[in-house]
Amino acid sequence: MDQGSVVTGYFVTVFVDRATLEHDCGSSLAELDHHFGDDVLLEIAEHTKFAGRAVSLTSEVLGPHIALPKALRWKAAAASLAKQLMAESTCVYGQYHNRWLADRVLNG
């Protein structure tokens, strides 16, 4: 891309709680991957802090909004993971930061 180019798309990754995602969608992660795999890369997040409970959802964005398929009910799962991580945090101020993020995700 040269200096005069305009960015028209990018990738976004959202981390969500696997159990909440599977429950809200009524499908296993393998089934969700089969159904949404052409539009979303679903991967189990390997960071030790996630303790095997998190899934990353990566999708291409071509406009001003996160373009994850509506049928992939990810917002409550993202808020659930943020809430869990903040409950485990030793940072005094951490609870406030991710509550705002969760509110933004749920109301966005």
Protein backbone atom coordinates (compact mmCIF):
# COMPACT_ATOMS: atom_id res chain seq x y z
CA MET A 1 0.00 0.00 0.00
CA ASP A 2 1.43 3.41 -0.94
CA GLN A 3 1.09 6.54 1.19
CA GLY A 4 -1.97 7.74 -0.74
CA SER A 5 -3.95 4.53 -0.20
CA VAL A 6 -7.03 4.37 1.98
CA VAL A 7 -7.62 1.45 4.30
CA THR A 8 -10.93 -0.15 3.34
CA GLY A 9 -10.80 -3.22 5.55
CA TYR A 10 -9.00 -4.83 8.46
CA PHE A 11 -9.23 -7.81 10.78
CA VAL A 12 -10.72 -7.75 14.26
CA THR A 13 -10.43 -10.37 16.98
CA VAL A 14 -12.88 -10.69 19.87
CA PHE A 15 -12.23 -13.03 22.80
CA VAL A 16 -15.31 -14.73 24.27
CA ASP A 17 -16.21 -17.29 26.91
CA ARG A 18 -16.54 -20.65 25.16
CA ALA A 19 -19.26 -22.07 27.45
CA THR A 20 -21.44 -18.98 27.06
CA LEU A 21 -20.97 -18.92 23.29
CA GLU A 22 -21.86 -22.60 22.94
CA HIS A 23 -24.85 -22.24 25.26
CA ASP A 24 -26.25 -19.11 23.60
CA CYS A 25 -25.79 -20.52 20.09
CA GLY A 26 -27.01 -23.99 21.04
CA SER A 27 -24.04 -25.57 19.25
CA SER A 28 -20.60 -26.97 20.04
CA LEU A 29 -17.50 -25.07 18.98
CA ALA A 30 -16.93 -27.63 16.20
CA GLU A 31 -20.48 -27.06 14.92
CA LEU A 32 -20.04 -23.29 15.07
CA ASP A 33 -16.77 -23.57 13.17
CA HIS A 34 -18.47 -25.72 10.52
CA HIS A 35 -21.34 -23.22 10.19
CA PHE A 36 -19.40 -19.93 10.39
CA GLY A 37 -15.92 -21.04 9.30
CA ASP A 38 -16.08 -19.25 5.95
CA ASP A 39 -16.62 -15.88 7.66
CA VAL A 40 -15.02 -16.25 11.09
CA LEU A 41 -11.86 -17.93 12.33
CA LEU A 42 -12.72 -19.61 15.65
CA GLU A 43 -9.74 -20.70 17.75
CA ILE A 44 -9.30 -21.78 21.35
CA ALA A 45 -7.21 -19.06 22.98
CA GLU A 46 -3.98 -20.44 24.38
CA HIS A 47 -2.95 -17.72 26.85
CA THR A 48 -2.66 -19.24 30.33
CA LYS A 49 -4.88 -16.52 31.84
CA PHE A 50 -7.80 -17.88 29.81
CA ALA A 51 -7.41 -21.36 31.35
CA GLY A 52 -8.94 -23.05 28.29
CA ARG A 53 -12.26 -21.22 28.57
CA ALA A 54 -11.76 -18.56 25.90
CA VAL A 55 -12.25 -18.62 22.16
CA SER A 56 -11.01 -15.99 19.74
CA LEU A 57 -13.29 -14.95 16.91
CA THR A 58 -11.46 -13.24 14.03
CA SER A 59 -13.27 -11.65 11.13
CA GLU A 60 -12.57 -9.22 8.32
CA VAL A 61 -14.17 -5.80 8.72
CA LEU A 62 -14.98 -3.78 5.63
CA GLY A 63 -17.00 -0.98 7.20
CA PRO A 64 -17.35 0.96 10.43
CA HIS A 65 -18.82 -1.92 12.49
CA ILE A 66 -17.57 -5.29 13.71
CA ALA A 67 -18.86 -7.64 11.05
CA LEU A 68 -19.44 -10.89 12.89
CA PRO A 69 -22.50 -12.81 11.68
CA LYS A 70 -25.64 -11.95 13.67
CA ALA A 71 -26.43 -15.63 14.20
CA LEU A 72 -23.11 -16.01 16.03
CA ARG A 73 -24.32 -14.74 19.39
CA TRP A 74 -20.97 -13.46 20.69
CA LYS A 75 -21.76 -10.30 22.68
CA ALA A 76 -22.89 -11.92 25.94
CA ALA A 77 -19.98 -14.37 25.67
CA ALA A 78 -17.51 -11.47 25.35
CA ALA A 79 -19.05 -9.75 28.38
CA SER A 80 -18.97 -13.01 30.35
CA LEU A 81 -15.25 -13.51 29.71
CA ALA A 82 -14.46 -9.91 30.66
CA LYS A 83 -16.46 -10.29 33.87
CA GLN A 84 -14.69 -13.55 34.78
CA LEU A 85 -11.24 -12.09 34.15
CA MET A 86 -11.97 -8.99 36.20
CA ALA A 87 -13.32 -11.08 39.09
CA GLU A 88 -9.96 -12.87 39.13
CA SER A 89 -7.88 -9.71 38.75
CA THR A 90 -5.66 -8.42 41.53
CA CYS A 91 -5.75 -4.90 40.05
CA VAL A 92 -7.81 -2.55 42.22
CA TYR A 93 -8.98 -0.54 39.20
CA GLY A 94 -9.37 -3.44 36.77
CA GLN A 95 -13.04 -4.01 37.57
CA TYR A 96 -13.98 -0.59 36.25
CA HIS A 97 -12.19 -0.79 32.92
CA ASN A 98 -13.71 -4.00 31.64
CA ARG A 99 -17.18 -3.22 32.92
CA TRP A 100 -17.14 -0.27 30.54
CA LEU A 101 -15.87 -2.50 27.77
CA ALA A 102 -18.57 -5.07 28.45
CA ASP A 103 -21.23 -2.35 28.47
CA ARG A 104 -19.92 -1.05 25.16
CA VAL A 105 -19.89 -4.54 23.64
CA LEU A 106 -23.40 -5.35 24.81
CA ASN A 107 -24.85 -2.00 23.77
CA GLY A 108 -22.76 -1.55 20.61
